Amino acid sequence: MLSPTLRRRLFLSSLILVLVLGTIGHVTLNAWSILYGLMIGVFLTDSLPWDLARNAAGMLSQAVEAPDAKTSTYGHEYGLDHALLNIPPCETFWLNMGYWKNTRSFVEACKALAKLVIDAADVKDGSRVMDFGYGCGDQDVFFLECHPNITITGVTSEPKQALIAYSRIKARSMHKSITLYAGDAVNPSTWRHIPSHVSPPTDVLDPATYDAVISLDSCYHYSTRWQWLNQSASLLRLGGRISGTDLVLGSGYDEGGYFTQFLLRAALYFTGAPWENFVSEHVYRKRLQEAGFVGITVEDISEHVLPGLAAFIEQHRQNIGGVVDIDRKWRQYEGAAKLFRWLYHKKLVKFVLFSGTRS
């Protein structure tokens, strides 16, 4: 009898088949393709084969462990658990892909990417900035440190992160310059003020209110990015700037064939990035123009982003994996590292820095 977990995975696999293969017009569904899709889906969804492999590896490691290594002379094995007592509380909660050109530090790479975005926005003293996807607030703290005389209105989708962001901003006495909301970036009716949870006043959404709109490593998640571009154009005054980092399709997508395209769509589906957001750079520029932007730049910075983050994740696991050895937590990042390398080496996507001026 199939376990509930396996039944859920098989059901999810069939959904993947319908969602992904259904978007490829040249594929005709038949019994063989359904079976093939289910097999691929099972392997893509943290499935039974991976569970069996992990269990086998675990039993093997126990089998080869020296009998006298299980307990110390005193009948108790401390191991490295006490290392947790030596780890200080997090001072930062950065989360973006980073710009790894001149650093191996995650925090410094995240700051470097944020610096590219805020510089591209060309903010000045007194600028009013709308930041979409502020996470735990590190980037807004950083933006205000770079430009102390600006005001920031931020929106992010995760309430828990929003509360952390507010507490950290208030601790730095920046809450008078930074106003935070939680909600769907493209649906302002869902926005709620942090921490009061009230709807934003009308002037937050008035047309031509902001001097800059930014999105740091976030807008490819929006449903959809194109709706967000139109909304951003409305919020910006004439001459205002939009800037951010984003993903566009690379040359390897068309060259990769149906199976590679299928794998890419499946991978993006699991990351929560709508497929309709993924277009070529040419189409991307055109959509920016259609939204009302001129002076558009779209710069491919993949070389200093995707492989650098992948290398950091792999090295970081080696450095502290023996201390913080929560396999389930590490797997999501190790899987991401493999995905980033695959995307980069196959040229399936490009990580770009974009900007434009509201006309």
Protein backbone atom coordinates (compact mmCIF):
# COMPACT_ATOMS: atom_id res chain seq x y z
CA MET A 1 0.00 0.00 0.00
CA LEU A 2 1.34 3.43 -0.96
CA SER A 3 2.12 5.76 1.91
CA PRO A 4 0.24 9.11 2.13
CA THR A 5 3.49 10.93 1.35
CA LEU A 6 4.11 8.91 -1.81
CA ARG A 7 0.49 9.31 -2.91
CA ARG A 8 0.84 13.08 -2.53
CA ARG A 9 4.05 13.04 -4.52
CA LEU A 10 2.53 11.00 -7.34
CA PHE A 11 -0.45 13.34 -7.44
CA LEU A 12 1.86 16.37 -7.54
CA SER A 13 3.81 14.68 -10.31
CA SER A 14 0.67 14.34 -12.42
CA LEU A 15 -0.09 18.01 -11.82
CA ILE A 16 3.42 18.91 -13.00
CA LEU A 17 2.79 16.92 -16.14
CA VAL A 18 -0.44 18.77 -16.89
CA LEU A 19 0.98 22.20 -16.03
CA VAL A 20 4.26 21.86 -17.88
CA LEU A 21 3.56 19.60 -20.83
CA GLY A 22 0.25 21.36 -21.36
CA THR A 23 2.15 24.56 -22.09
CA ILE A 24 4.14 22.95 -24.91
CA GLY A 25 1.84 22.84 -27.87
CA HIS A 26 3.83 20.19 -29.77
CA VAL A 27 3.40 17.51 -27.09
CA THR A 28 0.55 15.02 -27.51
CA LEU A 29 -0.46 13.32 -24.27
CA ASN A 30 -0.73 9.54 -24.41
CA ALA A 31 -0.24 6.65 -22.01
CA TRP A 32 3.53 6.54 -22.54
CA SER A 33 4.03 10.28 -22.13
CA ILE A 34 1.91 10.28 -18.98
CA LEU A 35 3.95 7.43 -17.51
CA TYR A 36 7.20 9.14 -18.53
CA GLY A 37 6.04 12.42 -17.04
CA LEU A 38 5.08 10.73 -13.78
CA MET A 39 8.52 9.13 -13.53
CA ILE A 40 10.24 12.48 -14.10
CA GLY A 41 7.87 14.20 -11.71
CA VAL A 42 8.63 11.71 -8.97
CA PHE A 43 12.36 12.37 -9.30
CA LEU A 44 11.82 16.15 -9.31
CA THR A 45 9.75 16.24 -6.12
CA ASP A 46 12.07 15.11 -3.30
CA SER A 47 10.66 11.68 -3.97
CA LEU A 48 10.88 8.06 -2.97
CA PRO A 49 14.11 7.34 -4.94
CA TRP A 50 15.86 10.18 -3.13
CA ASP A 51 14.45 8.99 0.22
CA LEU A 52 15.77 5.48 -0.43
CA ALA A 53 19.17 6.82 -1.43
CA ARG A 54 19.39 8.98 1.70
CA ASN A 55 18.32 6.11 3.94
CA ALA A 56 20.86 3.77 2.34
CA ALA A 57 23.61 6.34 2.79
CA GLY A 58 22.62 6.83 6.42
CA MET A 59 22.70 3.09 7.14
CA LEU A 60 26.05 2.77 5.38
CA SER A 61 27.59 5.55 7.48
CA GLN A 62 26.33 3.85 10.64
CA ALA A 63 27.69 0.49 9.50
CA VAL A 64 31.21 1.79 8.96
CA GLU A 65 31.31 3.82 12.19
CA ALA A 66 33.85 2.51 14.66
CA PRO A 67 32.11 0.76 17.58
CA ASP A 68 34.22 2.54 20.15
CA ALA A 69 33.41 5.96 18.67
CA LYS A 70 29.78 5.93 19.77
CA THR A 71 30.45 6.82 23.37
CA SER A 72 33.27 8.56 25.15
CA THR A 73 35.26 7.23 28.07
CA TYR A 74 32.65 8.78 30.37
CA GLY A 75 29.71 7.09 28.70
CA HIS A 76 28.47 10.17 26.89
CA GLU A 77 29.36 11.64 23.51
CA TYR A 78 29.20 15.45 23.28
CA GLY A 79 30.25 15.57 19.65
CA LEU A 80 30.08 19.08 18.20
CA ASP A 81 26.66 20.05 19.54
CA HIS A 82 28.22 22.62 21.85
CA ALA A 83 29.37 24.58 18.79
CA LEU A 84 25.81 25.92 18.63
CA LEU A 85 26.47 27.74 21.90
CA ASN A 86 29.32 29.60 20.23
CA ILE A 87 27.32 30.91 17.29
CA PRO A 88 26.25 34.53 17.91
CA PRO A 89 22.77 35.78 16.93
CA CYS A 90 22.40 36.86 13.31
CA GLU A 91 23.17 40.52 12.80
CA THR A 92 21.92 40.43 9.21
CA PHE A 93 19.20 38.59 7.30
CA TRP A 94 20.26 39.32 3.74
CA LEU A 95 18.74 37.17 1.01
CA ASN A 96 19.52 37.87 -2.61
CA MET A 97 21.78 36.20 -5.17
CA GLY A 98 24.63 38.59 -4.53
CA TYR A 99 27.24 40.16 -6.78
CA TRP A 100 30.39 38.07 -6.33
CA LYS A 101 32.91 39.92 -8.47
CA ASN A 102 35.29 40.91 -5.67
CA THR A 103 34.13 38.99 -2.60
CA ARG A 104 33.48 35.56 -1.13
CA SER A 105 31.33 36.93 1.70
CA PHE A 106 27.58 36.40 1.37
CA VAL A 107 26.72 39.64 3.19
CA GLU A 108 29.18 41.68 1.14
CA ALA A 109 27.93 40.12 -2.10
CA CYS A 110 24.33 40.97 -1.16
CA LYS A 111 25.34 44.54 -0.37
CA ALA A 112 27.20 44.80 -3.67
CA LEU A 113 24.10 43.75 -5.61
CA ALA A 114 21.96 46.20 -3.62
CA LYS A 115 24.48 48.96 -4.40
CA LEU A 116 24.14 48.30 -8.13
CA VAL A 117 20.36 48.64 -7.88
CA ILE A 118 20.25 51.81 -5.77
CA ASP A 119 22.93 53.44 -7.93
CA ALA A 120 20.93 52.63 -11.08
CA ALA A 121 17.90 54.32 -9.49
CA ASP A 122 19.87 57.60 -9.36
CA VAL A 123 18.29 58.70 -6.06
CA LYS A 124 19.06 62.13 -4.63
CA ASP A 125 18.47 63.96 -1.35
CA GLY A 126 14.75 64.11 -0.68
CA SER A 127 13.89 61.29 -3.11
CA ARG A 128 10.82 59.21 -2.35
CA VAL A 129 11.56 55.55 -3.05
CA MET A 130 9.20 52.57 -3.39
CA ASP A 131 10.96 49.27 -2.66
CA PHE A 132 9.23 46.05 -3.73
CA GLY A 133 10.45 42.89 -1.98
CA TYR A 134 12.42 44.25 0.99
CA GLY A 135 12.68 40.88 2.79
CA CYS A 136 13.91 41.28 6.37
CA GLY A 137 14.80 44.92 5.83
CA ASP A 138 18.57 44.73 5.33
CA GLN A 139 18.42 46.39 1.94
CA ASP A 140 16.33 49.32 3.17
CA VAL A 141 18.72 49.86 6.07
CA PHE A 142 21.55 49.77 3.54
CA PHE A 143 19.78 52.17 1.16
CA LEU A 144 19.21 54.65 3.97
CA GLU A 145 22.83 54.38 5.08
CA CYS A 146 23.89 55.17 1.50
CA HIS A 147 21.36 58.02 1.18
CA PRO A 148 20.34 59.32 4.66
CA ASN A 149 17.94 61.96 3.31
CA ILE A 150 15.57 59.73 1.34
CA THR A 151 12.27 58.19 2.44
CA ILE A 152 11.35 54.61 1.61
CA THR A 153 8.00 52.85 1.33
CA GLY A 154 8.44 49.08 1.17
CA VAL A 155 6.19 46.16 0.29
CA THR A 156 7.01 42.48 0.79
CA SER A 157 4.89 39.35 0.61
CA GLU A 158 5.94 37.57 3.82
CA PRO A 159 4.46 38.94 7.07
CA LYS A 160 7.04 37.19 9.29
CA GLN A 161 9.89 38.82 7.42
CA ALA A 162 8.06 42.15 7.50
CA LEU A 163 7.83 42.04 11.30
CA ILE A 164 11.54 41.26 11.61
CA ALA A 165 12.28 44.12 9.22
CA TYR A 166 10.22 46.54 11.28
CA SER A 167 11.86 45.56 14.58
CA ARG A 168 15.32 45.99 13.11
CA ILE A 169 14.50 49.30 11.45
CA LYS A 170 12.95 50.64 14.65
CA ALA A 171 16.00 49.54 16.66
CA ARG A 172 18.07 51.77 14.37
CA SER A 173 15.61 54.68 14.72
CA MET A 174 14.93 54.53 10.98
CA HIS A 175 11.18 53.93 11.25
CA LYS A 176 10.41 57.59 10.55
CA SER A 177 12.15 57.34 7.18
CA ILE A 178 11.02 53.81 6.24
CA THR A 179 7.37 52.73 6.09
CA LEU A 180 6.70 49.02 5.65
CA TYR A 181 3.76 47.05 4.28
CA ALA A 182 3.11 43.35 3.81
CA GLY A 183 1.10 42.10 0.86
CA ASP A 184 1.07 41.13 -2.79
CA ALA A 185 3.23 43.53 -4.80
CA VAL A 186 0.75 43.71 -7.68
CA ASN A 187 -2.41 43.83 -5.55
CA PRO A 188 -2.34 46.95 -3.34
CA SER A 189 -5.69 46.03 -1.78
CA THR A 190 -3.80 43.33 0.16
CA TRP A 191 -1.20 45.71 1.59
CA ARG A 192 -1.23 46.07 5.37
CA HIS A 193 0.93 48.41 7.41
CA ILE A 194 3.55 46.90 9.70
CA PRO A 195 2.94 46.74 12.62
CA SER A 196 -0.58 48.29 12.71
CA HIS A 197 -2.01 46.04 9.94
CA VAL A 198 -4.18 48.85 8.57
CA SER A 199 -4.56 49.58 4.86
CA PRO A 200 -2.22 52.20 3.40
CA PRO A 201 -3.46 55.79 3.13
CA THR A 202 -4.44 56.90 -0.35
CA ASP A 203 -1.33 59.02 -0.89
CA VAL A 204 0.84 55.88 -0.81
CA LEU A 205 -0.73 54.81 -4.10
CA ASP A 206 -1.31 58.19 -5.73
CA PRO A 207 0.00 58.44 -9.29
CA ALA A 208 3.30 60.26 -9.86
CA THR A 209 4.22 60.02 -6.16
CA TYR A 210 7.68 58.44 -6.23
CA ASP A 211 11.07 59.42 -7.60
CA ALA A 212 12.30 55.83 -7.81
CA VAL A 213 10.87 52.30 -7.82
CA ILE A 214 13.26 49.44 -7.12
CA SER A 215 13.04 45.66 -6.95
CA LEU A 216 16.10 43.77 -5.74
CA ASP A 217 16.04 40.14 -6.88
CA SER A 218 12.28 39.87 -6.53
CA CYS A 219 10.16 40.84 -9.52
CA TYR A 220 10.44 37.55 -11.42
CA HIS A 221 8.21 36.13 -8.67
CA TYR A 222 5.39 38.64 -9.24
CA SER A 223 2.19 37.45 -10.83
CA THR A 224 2.79 39.05 -13.13
CA ARG A 225 5.88 41.17 -13.62
CA TRP A 226 4.17 42.98 -16.51
CA GLN A 227 1.35 44.12 -14.26
CA TRP A 228 3.97 45.33 -11.79
CA LEU A 229 5.78 47.34 -14.49
CA ASN A 230 2.56 49.15 -15.42
CA GLN A 231 1.81 49.79 -11.75
CA SER A 232 5.33 51.11 -11.18
CA ALA A 233 5.07 53.45 -14.16
CA SER A 234 1.88 54.87 -12.67
CA LEU A 235 3.51 55.44 -9.27
CA LEU A 236 6.53 57.25 -10.73
CA ARG A 237 6.63 60.93 -11.53
CA LEU A 238 7.79 61.93 -15.01
CA GLY A 239 11.55 61.50 -15.07
CA GLY A 240 11.43 59.04 -12.17
CA ARG A 241 13.61 55.95 -12.29
CA ILE A 242 12.95 52.22 -12.13
CA SER A 243 15.76 49.76 -11.38
CA GLY A 244 16.21 46.21 -10.25
CA THR A 245 17.62 42.77 -10.93
CA ASP A 246 15.71 40.16 -12.87
CA LEU A 247 15.87 36.96 -14.92
CA VAL A 248 15.38 36.69 -18.68
CA LEU A 249 15.69 33.71 -21.00
CA GLY A 250 19.15 33.06 -22.42
CA SER A 251 20.24 31.73 -25.78
CA GLY A 252 20.40 28.18 -24.43
CA TYR A 253 16.64 27.99 -24.00
CA ASP A 254 15.83 27.82 -27.72
CA GLU A 255 18.86 25.62 -28.36
CA GLY A 256 18.11 23.16 -25.57
CA GLY A 257 15.21 21.22 -27.05
CA TYR A 258 11.91 20.17 -25.52
CA PHE A 259 13.31 18.10 -22.66
CA THR A 260 15.60 20.88 -21.43
CA GLN A 261 12.74 23.37 -21.77
CA PHE A 262 10.53 21.02 -19.78
CA LEU A 263 13.10 20.77 -16.99
CA LEU A 264 13.50 24.55 -16.88
CA ARG A 265 9.76 25.12 -16.63
CA ALA A 266 9.47 22.50 -13.91
CA ALA A 267 12.34 24.06 -11.94
CA LEU A 268 10.83 27.54 -12.19
CA TYR A 269 7.43 26.17 -11.19
CA PHE A 270 8.93 24.89 -7.93
CA THR A 271 10.59 28.24 -7.23
CA GLY A 272 7.23 30.00 -7.50
CA ALA A 273 8.22 32.07 -10.54
CA PRO A 274 5.37 32.30 -13.11
CA TRP A 275 6.45 31.06 -16.52
CA GLU A 276 4.80 34.00 -18.29
CA ASN A 277 7.44 36.25 -16.68
CA PHE A 278 10.22 34.58 -18.67
CA VAL A 279 10.96 36.12 -22.04
CA SER A 280 13.99 36.98 -24.16
CA GLU A 281 15.94 40.16 -23.50
CA HIS A 282 14.49 41.66 -26.69
CA VAL A 283 10.91 41.11 -25.52
CA TYR A 284 11.86 42.30 -22.02
CA ARG A 285 13.07 45.64 -23.38
CA LYS A 286 9.93 45.95 -25.46
CA ARG A 287 7.70 45.40 -22.42
CA LEU A 288 9.57 48.10 -20.50
CA GLN A 289 9.00 50.49 -23.40
CA GLU A 290 5.31 49.59 -23.57
CA ALA A 291 4.98 50.34 -19.85
CA GLY A 292 6.25 53.88 -20.48
CA PHE A 293 10.00 53.76 -19.88
CA VAL A 294 12.81 55.21 -21.98
CA GLY A 295 16.61 55.19 -21.69
CA ILE A 296 16.37 51.49 -20.90
CA THR A 297 19.43 49.46 -19.95
CA VAL A 298 19.46 45.68 -19.48
CA GLU A 299 22.91 44.44 -18.48
CA ASP A 300 23.78 40.75 -18.21
CA ILE A 301 25.69 40.24 -14.93
CA SER A 302 25.19 36.46 -14.71
CA GLU A 303 28.93 35.78 -14.66
CA HIS A 304 29.28 37.52 -11.30
CA VAL A 305 26.07 36.17 -9.77
CA LEU A 306 24.99 32.59 -10.47
CA PRO A 307 28.31 30.67 -10.25
CA GLY A 308 29.46 32.78 -7.31
CA LEU A 309 26.38 32.01 -5.24
CA ALA A 310 26.56 28.31 -6.13
CA ALA A 311 30.21 28.15 -5.02
CA PHE A 312 29.43 29.96 -1.77
CA ILE A 313 26.60 27.57 -0.85
CA GLU A 314 28.76 24.52 -1.49
CA GLN A 315 31.68 25.91 0.51
CA HIS A 316 29.45 27.13 3.34
CA ARG A 317 28.00 23.64 3.78
CA GLN A 318 31.53 22.26 4.07
CA ASN A 319 32.48 24.96 6.58
CA ILE A 320 29.59 24.64 9.01
CA GLY A 321 27.62 21.59 7.89
CA GLY A 322 29.13 19.53 10.68
CA VAL A 323 27.83 22.02 13.24
CA VAL A 324 24.47 22.96 11.80
CA ASP A 325 23.72 19.56 10.29
CA ILE A 326 20.02 19.83 9.48
CA ASP A 327 19.94 17.87 6.24
CA ARG A 328 16.44 18.94 5.23
CA LYS A 329 17.41 22.62 5.50
CA TRP A 330 20.68 22.20 3.63
CA ARG A 331 19.08 20.25 0.78
CA GLN A 332 17.06 23.23 -0.40
CA TYR A 333 20.21 25.33 -0.75
CA GLU A 334 22.34 22.56 -2.22
CA GLY A 335 19.60 21.94 -4.76
CA ALA A 336 19.56 25.66 -5.52
CA ALA A 337 23.35 25.64 -6.05
CA LYS A 338 23.04 22.83 -8.59
CA LEU A 339 20.20 24.70 -10.28
CA PHE A 340 22.23 27.93 -10.53
CA ARG A 341 25.18 26.11 -12.10
CA TRP A 342 22.91 24.34 -14.57
CA LEU A 343 21.13 27.56 -15.55
CA TYR A 344 24.43 29.36 -16.04
CA HIS A 345 26.38 26.70 -17.91
CA LYS A 346 23.44 25.85 -20.19
CA LYS A 347 22.78 29.58 -20.74
CA LEU A 348 19.09 28.99 -20.04
CA VAL A 349 18.60 32.29 -18.21
CA LYS A 350 20.48 35.53 -17.76
CA PHE A 351 20.60 37.46 -14.50
CA VAL A 352 20.27 41.11 -15.49
CA LEU A 353 20.48 44.57 -13.96
CA PHE A 354 17.79 46.74 -15.54
CA SER A 355 16.82 50.40 -15.33
CA GLY A 356 14.77 52.99 -17.16
CA THR A 357 13.26 56.47 -16.91
CA ARG A 358 9.53 57.23 -16.76
CA SER A 359 8.50 59.21 -19.83
